[in-house]
Amino acid sequence: MQFFDGRHYRINKVLLSCIGQWPYQTKRSSNAIIAIIVSLAGTQFVAKVCGLLSIKDVDMFIDSLSPLVVDIGCGVKLITCILKAKQIRALFDQIQSDWQWLMTSTHIKILNHYAEIGRLFTIIYASAFYSALVLFMLVPLQPLLLHSSSNDTARPLLHQVEYYIDMDKYYFPILIHGYAAAIIFVSIAIAADTMYVIMIQHVCGLFKIIGQELENIIKEDSLEINLVPSIKDDKPYKNIIKSINAHKNALRFTNLIEATFSQMFLTVAGFNMLIMSMTGVTAVTNMDKPEEFLRQITFACALLVHLFFESFPAQSLINHSASIHTNLTNIAWYQTSFRTRKILIFMIMKTREPCVLTAGKMFVISMDTFSTIVRTSVSYFTMLRSMQ
């Protein structure tokens, strides 16, 4: 749609279109892209599973299991986008509707500011992950580039795979297949995660606008207070009703985000703990191999960034929604009518608990959760290290 071709959402549109999950692209285009993704990434996943089954060394098994779990996590993200396509489209429809509604308002600057933050998050996240992917993909090429004239040059692959064919004869097609699958999996993660970020930033902008509206409910101090004015003359009452409707809209948007991503968060959080632990063990094991150590550390840092980029926006949502309660308690209620005071009491009670995003209703996504998952990963790392 033309609205999303603007500065704020163009990158997200391109990323989602590349994995066939842009809500407004044609069904034929979406199905074709998904078919290509499944054929390339799916066959690579099967090859990794076959390669894993042929490994007997424990350290090598852990090393090969990590990318396999990452693939599963990315697959979960893609499946979530496919199964929740209607909800995702509803979220984007609401974003466009909110922009059109506020276009003539002075509050459009706030929405613009938060959209810019979402765009910046998208650029940083995509740049970090694609940069890490490039480093990861350069490792197999290093022996070929440094020893190109040697006949016994080692021919490493991105991952341990098994195609049940002559691996030396078809080395380059297999390597290219691995590269294509890696790009696909990383693109899925980037597209899904940045979509989640821009949606959170949008609802944070809505809460900020509501907070400013509440601060301006009483626009002038007056010693003469009419406690029972007519509704027509009761401007604070009209303002609070307007803020309540806007707050309900923001809550619906938040609940839709929760319904869309909750199950995905639960799966990905579990995988993150497991993979970071295994990657740490593999990195320590390969400290005598600088190129392999660097690859594993880069991988671990990418996972840490991924977890942070899911936790930080959720924490921002908690903070912004909680600020509404603070704004309400700071209102000069004693200068309002009786009917306005009753509405204020109702809204204060409604906003006591901040909006949160959960992982399958089991725990709240926040920066506290981020630190907990990191600590748990370190515990698993210690356990796995002691088992070696």
Protein backbone atom coordinates (compact mmCIF):
# COMPACT_ATOMS: atom_id res chain seq x y z
CA MET A 1 0.00 0.00 0.00
CA GLN A 2 1.15 3.53 -0.75
CA PHE A 3 1.19 4.59 2.91
CA PHE A 4 3.81 1.96 3.76
CA ASP A 5 6.05 3.08 0.89
CA GLY A 6 6.95 6.11 2.98
CA ARG A 7 10.15 6.59 4.93
CA HIS A 8 9.06 4.97 8.19
CA TYR A 9 7.91 1.53 7.04
CA ARG A 10 9.52 1.00 3.61
CA ILE A 11 12.35 -1.18 4.96
CA ASN A 12 9.94 -3.40 6.88
CA LYS A 13 7.77 -3.77 3.79
CA VAL A 14 10.77 -4.91 1.73
CA LEU A 15 11.94 -7.36 4.41
CA LEU A 16 8.49 -8.92 4.84
CA SER A 17 7.93 -9.04 1.08
CA CYS A 18 11.19 -10.96 0.64
CA ILE A 19 9.88 -13.79 2.84
CA GLY A 20 6.37 -13.64 1.39
CA GLN A 21 4.75 -12.23 4.53
CA TRP A 22 3.86 -8.67 3.59
CA PRO A 23 0.10 -8.53 4.33
CA TYR A 24 -0.75 -6.62 1.14
CA GLN A 25 1.25 -8.56 -1.46
CA THR A 26 -0.61 -10.84 -3.84
CA LYS A 27 -1.41 -14.40 -2.80
CA ARG A 28 0.39 -15.79 -5.84
CA SER A 29 3.59 -13.89 -5.02
CA SER A 30 3.43 -14.90 -1.37
CA ASN A 31 2.89 -18.59 -2.15
CA ALA A 32 5.71 -18.61 -4.70
CA ILE A 33 8.19 -17.11 -2.24
CA ILE A 34 7.12 -19.51 0.53
CA ALA A 35 7.55 -22.45 -1.86
CA ILE A 36 11.12 -21.32 -2.66
CA ILE A 37 11.90 -20.84 1.05
CA VAL A 38 10.56 -24.28 1.98
CA SER A 39 12.40 -26.02 -0.87
CA LEU A 40 15.78 -24.39 -0.15
CA ALA A 41 15.71 -24.04 3.63
CA GLY A 42 13.74 -27.25 4.18
CA THR A 43 16.17 -29.44 2.25
CA GLN A 44 19.11 -27.80 4.04
CA PHE A 45 17.43 -28.52 7.38
CA VAL A 46 17.01 -32.19 6.45
CA ALA A 47 20.67 -32.34 5.40
CA LYS A 48 21.70 -30.90 8.78
CA VAL A 49 19.60 -33.48 10.62
CA CYS A 50 21.21 -36.28 8.58
CA GLY A 51 24.64 -34.83 9.30
CA LEU A 52 23.84 -34.62 13.00
CA LEU A 53 22.84 -38.28 13.13
CA SER A 54 26.20 -39.32 11.72
CA ILE A 55 28.24 -37.51 14.41
CA LYS A 56 29.74 -39.47 17.28
CA ASP A 57 31.96 -36.83 18.87
CA VAL A 58 30.14 -34.93 21.65
CA ASP A 59 31.80 -31.56 20.98
CA MET A 60 31.07 -31.76 17.28
CA PHE A 61 27.49 -32.82 18.05
CA ILE A 62 26.93 -29.72 20.23
CA ASP A 63 28.53 -27.53 17.55
CA SER A 64 26.20 -28.93 14.88
CA LEU A 65 23.09 -28.86 17.07
CA SER A 66 23.19 -25.07 17.64
CA PRO A 67 22.49 -24.01 14.03
CA LEU A 68 19.81 -26.68 13.81
CA VAL A 69 17.98 -25.18 16.78
CA VAL A 70 18.36 -21.71 15.24
CA ASP A 71 16.73 -23.00 12.07
CA ILE A 72 13.83 -24.35 14.12
CA GLY A 73 13.44 -20.95 15.84
CA CYS A 74 13.39 -19.14 12.49
CA GLY A 75 10.91 -21.71 11.20
CA VAL A 76 8.67 -20.97 14.17
CA LYS A 77 8.78 -17.27 13.30
CA LEU A 78 7.79 -17.95 9.69
CA ILE A 79 4.99 -20.33 10.72
CA THR A 80 3.73 -17.70 13.18
CA CYS A 81 3.60 -15.10 10.42
CA ILE A 82 1.71 -17.51 8.16
CA LEU A 83 -0.78 -18.68 10.78
CA LYS A 84 -1.34 -15.18 12.18
CA ALA A 85 -1.59 -13.45 8.80
CA LYS A 86 -5.05 -12.01 9.53
CA GLN A 87 -3.94 -10.57 12.88
CA ILE A 88 -0.80 -9.09 11.32
CA ARG A 89 -2.83 -7.45 8.58
CA ALA A 90 -5.22 -6.06 11.20
CA LEU A 91 -2.26 -4.57 13.06
CA PHE A 92 -0.92 -2.88 9.92
CA ASP A 93 -4.43 -1.65 9.06
CA GLN A 94 -4.66 -0.10 12.52
CA ILE A 95 -1.27 1.59 12.12
CA GLN A 96 -2.41 3.20 8.89
CA SER A 97 -5.76 4.18 10.41
CA ASP A 98 -4.08 5.84 13.41
CA TRP A 99 -1.78 7.84 11.15
CA GLN A 100 -4.69 9.04 9.03
CA TRP A 101 -6.71 9.93 12.13
CA LEU A 102 -3.87 11.98 13.68
CA MET A 103 -2.57 13.52 10.44
CA THR A 104 -4.22 16.87 11.16
CA SER A 105 -3.37 16.77 14.89
CA THR A 106 -0.37 18.30 16.60
CA HIS A 107 0.27 14.84 18.07
CA ILE A 108 1.40 13.52 14.68
CA LYS A 109 4.92 14.63 15.64
CA ILE A 110 4.88 12.10 18.49
CA LEU A 111 3.80 9.28 16.19
CA ASN A 112 6.48 10.36 13.72
CA HIS A 113 9.12 10.29 16.48
CA TYR A 114 8.28 6.74 17.55
CA ALA A 115 8.09 5.56 13.95
CA GLU A 116 11.61 6.94 13.48
CA ILE A 117 12.77 4.97 16.51
CA GLY A 118 11.25 1.84 14.97
CA ARG A 119 13.04 2.56 11.70
CA LEU A 120 16.35 3.06 13.53
CA PHE A 121 15.85 -0.23 15.39
CA THR A 122 15.18 -1.95 12.07
CA ILE A 123 18.34 -0.57 10.47
CA ILE A 124 20.57 -1.44 13.44
CA TYR A 125 19.08 -4.91 13.85
CA ALA A 126 19.30 -5.79 10.16
CA SER A 127 22.83 -4.39 9.87
CA ALA A 128 24.04 -6.30 12.92
CA PHE A 129 22.57 -9.62 11.82
CA TYR A 130 23.61 -9.41 8.18
CA SER A 131 27.12 -8.36 9.25
CA ALA A 132 27.32 -11.36 11.58
CA LEU A 133 26.07 -13.56 8.74
CA VAL A 134 28.80 -12.30 6.42
CA LEU A 135 31.47 -13.12 9.02
CA PHE A 136 29.89 -16.52 9.53
CA MET A 137 29.86 -17.22 5.78
CA LEU A 138 33.48 -16.15 5.26
CA VAL A 139 34.87 -18.92 7.48
CA PRO A 140 34.49 -21.77 4.92
CA LEU A 141 36.12 -19.62 2.23
CA GLN A 142 39.24 -18.83 4.24
CA PRO A 143 41.15 -22.09 3.45
CA LEU A 144 40.20 -21.79 -0.21
CA LEU A 145 41.40 -18.18 -0.47
CA LEU A 146 44.64 -18.69 1.47
CA HIS A 147 45.63 -22.03 -0.10
CA SER A 148 44.07 -21.79 -3.55
CA SER A 149 47.05 -23.42 -5.25
CA SER A 150 47.19 -26.44 -2.98
CA ASN A 151 45.62 -29.71 -4.06
CA ASP A 152 44.85 -30.83 -0.53
CA THR A 153 43.04 -27.66 0.48
CA ALA A 154 40.49 -28.29 3.22
CA ARG A 155 36.91 -27.82 2.10
CA PRO A 156 34.88 -26.85 5.15
CA LEU A 157 31.14 -26.18 5.04
CA LEU A 158 28.98 -23.79 7.01
CA HIS A 159 27.54 -26.70 9.01
CA GLN A 160 27.82 -30.43 9.34
CA VAL A 161 25.52 -31.79 6.62
CA GLU A 162 24.96 -35.11 4.89
CA TYR A 163 23.54 -35.32 1.36
CA TYR A 164 24.53 -38.96 0.74
CA ILE A 165 26.41 -37.94 -2.40
CA ASP A 166 30.08 -37.28 -3.22
CA MET A 167 30.69 -34.23 -1.02
CA ASP A 168 33.99 -33.32 -2.74
CA LYS A 169 32.54 -33.55 -6.22
CA TYR A 170 29.55 -31.36 -5.38
CA TYR A 171 31.27 -29.18 -2.82
CA PHE A 172 30.44 -25.80 -4.33
CA PRO A 173 26.74 -26.55 -5.01
CA ILE A 174 26.44 -27.80 -1.41
CA LEU A 175 28.22 -24.71 -0.09
CA ILE A 176 25.99 -22.40 -2.15
CA HIS A 177 22.93 -24.28 -0.89
CA GLY A 178 24.12 -23.69 2.68
CA TYR A 179 24.67 -19.99 1.97
CA ALA A 180 21.20 -19.62 0.44
CA ALA A 181 19.56 -21.33 3.42
CA ALA A 182 21.53 -19.19 5.91
CA ILE A 183 20.43 -16.00 4.16
CA ILE A 184 16.82 -17.20 4.18
CA PHE A 185 16.81 -18.09 7.88
CA VAL A 186 18.44 -14.80 8.91
CA SER A 187 16.07 -12.81 6.70
CA ILE A 188 13.08 -14.51 8.33
CA ALA A 189 14.36 -13.60 11.79
CA ILE A 190 15.07 -9.98 10.82
CA ALA A 191 11.73 -9.46 9.06
CA ALA A 192 9.66 -10.96 11.90
CA ASP A 193 11.54 -9.27 14.74
CA THR A 194 11.64 -5.80 13.17
CA MET A 195 7.92 -6.06 12.39
CA TYR A 196 7.32 -6.71 16.08
CA VAL A 197 9.50 -3.71 17.02
CA ILE A 198 7.70 -1.18 14.80
CA MET A 199 4.35 -2.35 16.16
CA ILE A 200 5.53 -1.88 19.74
CA GLN A 201 6.90 1.57 18.92
CA HIS A 202 3.57 2.52 17.37
CA VAL A 203 1.56 1.60 20.46
CA CYS A 204 4.14 3.35 22.68
CA GLY A 205 3.52 6.46 20.60
CA LEU A 206 -0.22 6.08 21.19
CA PHE A 207 0.31 5.85 24.95
CA LYS A 208 2.52 8.95 24.84
CA ILE A 209 -0.21 10.87 23.01
CA ILE A 210 -2.82 9.73 25.53
CA GLY A 211 -0.56 10.87 28.37
CA GLN A 212 -0.24 14.34 26.86
CA GLU A 213 -4.01 14.54 26.34
CA LEU A 214 -4.56 13.67 30.01
CA GLU A 215 -2.12 16.36 31.12
CA ASN A 216 -4.16 18.93 29.18
CA ILE A 217 -7.61 17.86 30.36
CA ILE A 218 -7.80 20.98 32.52
CA LYS A 219 -6.40 23.76 30.36
CA GLU A 220 -6.73 26.67 32.78
CA ASP A 221 -6.87 27.18 36.52
CA SER A 222 -10.04 28.68 37.91
CA LEU A 223 -11.26 29.47 41.40
CA GLU A 224 -14.86 29.12 40.26
CA ILE A 225 -15.62 25.42 39.76
CA ASN A 226 -18.95 24.28 38.43
CA LEU A 227 -19.48 20.81 39.89
CA VAL A 228 -22.60 20.00 37.87
CA PRO A 229 -22.27 21.66 34.45
CA SER A 230 -24.14 20.42 31.41
CA ILE A 231 -22.30 17.88 29.28
CA LYS A 232 -22.13 20.45 26.50
CA ASP A 233 -20.18 22.87 28.72
CA ASP A 234 -18.10 20.23 30.54
CA LYS A 235 -14.85 20.34 28.50
CA PRO A 236 -12.76 18.23 30.95
CA TYR A 237 -15.43 15.51 30.70
CA LYS A 238 -15.27 15.56 26.90
CA ASN A 239 -11.49 15.40 27.02
CA ILE A 240 -11.42 12.46 29.42
CA ILE A 241 -13.96 10.54 27.28
CA LYS A 242 -11.76 11.15 24.24
CA SER A 243 -8.72 9.86 26.16
CA ILE A 244 -10.63 6.77 27.34
CA ASN A 245 -11.57 5.88 23.76
CA ALA A 246 -7.96 6.36 22.64
CA HIS A 247 -6.78 4.22 25.55
CA LYS A 248 -9.20 1.44 24.61
CA ASN A 249 -7.84 1.56 21.06
CA ALA A 250 -4.25 1.26 22.33
CA LEU A 251 -5.24 -1.66 24.60
CA ARG A 252 -6.88 -3.48 21.68
CA PHE A 253 -3.73 -2.99 19.63
CA THR A 254 -1.57 -4.33 22.48
CA ASN A 255 -3.81 -7.35 23.00
CA LEU A 256 -3.60 -8.15 19.29
CA ILE A 257 0.21 -8.01 19.46
CA GLU A 258 0.11 -10.35 22.44
CA ALA A 259 -2.21 -12.79 20.66
CA THR A 260 0.02 -12.75 17.57
CA PHE A 261 3.47 -13.20 19.12
CA SER A 262 2.93 -14.81 22.53
CA GLN A 263 3.47 -18.44 21.52
CA MET A 264 6.42 -17.51 19.35
CA PHE A 265 8.10 -15.74 22.29
CA LEU A 266 7.81 -18.86 24.46
CA THR A 267 9.46 -21.10 21.88
CA VAL A 268 12.20 -18.64 20.94
CA ALA A 269 13.07 -17.83 24.58
CA GLY A 270 13.62 -21.52 25.32
CA PHE A 271 15.73 -21.97 22.21
CA ASN A 272 17.79 -18.88 23.05
CA MET A 273 18.82 -20.27 26.43
CA LEU A 274 19.76 -23.61 24.90
CA ILE A 275 21.69 -22.21 21.93
CA MET A 276 23.66 -19.59 23.87
CA SER A 277 24.78 -22.27 26.31
CA MET A 278 25.84 -24.69 23.57
CA THR A 279 27.55 -21.94 21.59
CA GLY A 280 29.52 -20.88 24.66
CA VAL A 281 30.70 -24.45 25.21
CA THR A 282 31.73 -24.77 21.56
CA ALA A 283 33.60 -21.44 21.65
CA VAL A 284 35.58 -22.45 24.74
CA THR A 285 36.35 -25.84 23.21
CA ASN A 286 37.75 -24.19 20.05
CA MET A 287 39.88 -21.50 21.69
CA ASP A 288 42.92 -23.00 19.98
CA LYS A 289 41.25 -22.38 16.58
CA PRO A 290 40.94 -18.58 16.23
CA GLU A 291 38.69 -18.63 13.16
CA GLU A 292 36.25 -21.13 14.72
CA PHE A 293 36.33 -19.34 18.08
CA LEU A 294 35.54 -16.03 16.35
CA ARG A 295 32.66 -17.63 14.46
CA GLN A 296 31.09 -19.03 17.63
CA ILE A 297 31.53 -15.78 19.57
CA THR A 298 29.91 -13.85 16.70
CA PHE A 299 27.07 -16.37 16.74
CA ALA A 300 26.60 -15.99 20.51
CA CYS A 301 26.63 -12.19 20.29
CA ALA A 302 24.00 -12.30 17.54
CA LEU A 303 21.78 -14.43 19.78
CA LEU A 304 22.28 -12.00 22.65
CA VAL A 305 21.36 -9.04 20.43
CA HIS A 306 18.29 -10.95 19.23
CA LEU A 307 17.12 -11.54 22.78
CA PHE A 308 17.77 -7.92 23.75
CA PHE A 309 15.81 -6.61 20.77
CA GLU A 310 12.80 -8.65 21.86
CA SER A 311 13.02 -7.67 25.53
CA PHE A 312 13.78 -3.95 25.29
CA PRO A 313 10.67 -2.95 23.24
CA ALA A 314 8.46 -5.02 25.56
CA GLN A 315 9.96 -3.15 28.54
CA SER A 316 9.31 0.13 26.74
CA LEU A 317 5.66 -0.88 26.35
CA ILE A 318 5.43 -1.56 30.10
CA ASN A 319 6.94 1.84 30.93
CA HIS A 320 4.73 3.81 28.53
CA SER A 321 1.50 2.11 29.59
CA ALA A 322 2.38 2.56 33.27
CA SER A 323 2.94 6.28 32.72
CA ILE A 324 -0.79 6.68 31.94
CA HIS A 325 -1.58 5.90 35.59
CA THR A 326 0.92 8.55 36.69
CA ASN A 327 -0.63 11.11 34.34
CA LEU A 328 -4.08 10.40 35.78
CA THR A 329 -2.97 10.79 39.39
CA ASN A 330 -1.39 14.17 38.56
CA ILE A 331 -4.63 15.63 37.18
CA ALA A 332 -6.12 18.48 39.21
CA TRP A 333 -9.28 16.48 39.79
CA TYR A 334 -10.61 18.99 42.32
CA GLN A 335 -11.20 21.41 39.44
CA THR A 336 -13.46 19.00 37.56
CA SER A 337 -17.16 18.18 37.74
CA PHE A 338 -18.60 15.25 39.68
CA ARG A 339 -19.19 13.22 36.51
CA THR A 340 -15.58 13.77 35.44
CA ARG A 341 -14.30 12.66 38.84
CA LYS A 342 -16.25 9.40 38.58
CA ILE A 343 -14.74 8.71 35.15
CA LEU A 344 -11.26 9.53 36.48
CA ILE A 345 -11.65 7.03 39.33
CA PHE A 346 -12.71 4.35 36.86
CA MET A 347 -9.75 5.04 34.54
CA ILE A 348 -7.26 5.15 37.44
CA MET A 349 -8.40 1.69 38.50
CA LYS A 350 -8.20 0.46 34.89
CA THR A 351 -4.60 1.63 34.46
CA ARG A 352 -3.14 0.32 37.72
CA GLU A 353 -1.60 -2.65 35.93
CA PRO A 354 0.64 -1.84 32.94
CA CYS A 355 0.30 -3.57 29.59
CA VAL A 356 2.66 -6.52 29.21
CA LEU A 357 3.63 -9.03 26.56
CA THR A 358 4.04 -12.61 27.69
CA ALA A 359 5.69 -15.77 26.43
CA GLY A 360 2.76 -18.15 26.18
CA LYS A 361 1.20 -16.59 29.29
CA MET A 362 4.02 -18.19 31.31
CA PHE A 363 6.25 -15.18 31.96
CA VAL A 364 6.39 -11.49 31.07
CA ILE A 365 8.81 -10.30 28.40
CA SER A 366 10.91 -7.51 29.91
CA MET A 367 14.48 -6.54 30.69
CA ASP A 368 14.21 -8.54 33.92
CA THR A 369 13.37 -11.57 31.79
CA PHE A 370 16.34 -10.79 29.56
CA SER A 371 18.75 -10.86 32.50
CA THR A 372 17.10 -14.04 33.84
CA ILE A 373 17.50 -15.84 30.51
CA VAL A 374 21.14 -14.76 30.27
CA ARG A 375 21.84 -16.00 33.81
CA THR A 376 20.08 -19.31 33.05
CA SER A 377 22.12 -19.68 29.86
CA VAL A 378 25.31 -19.23 31.86
CA SER A 379 24.10 -21.93 34.28
CA TYR A 380 23.43 -24.32 31.40
CA PHE A 381 26.83 -23.45 29.95
CA THR A 382 28.50 -24.37 33.24
CA MET A 383 26.61 -27.66 33.35
CA LEU A 384 27.46 -28.58 29.75
CA ARG A 385 31.09 -27.60 30.30
CA SER A 386 31.34 -29.84 33.36
CA MET A 387 29.98 -32.77 31.34
CA GLN A 388 32.82 -32.58 28.81
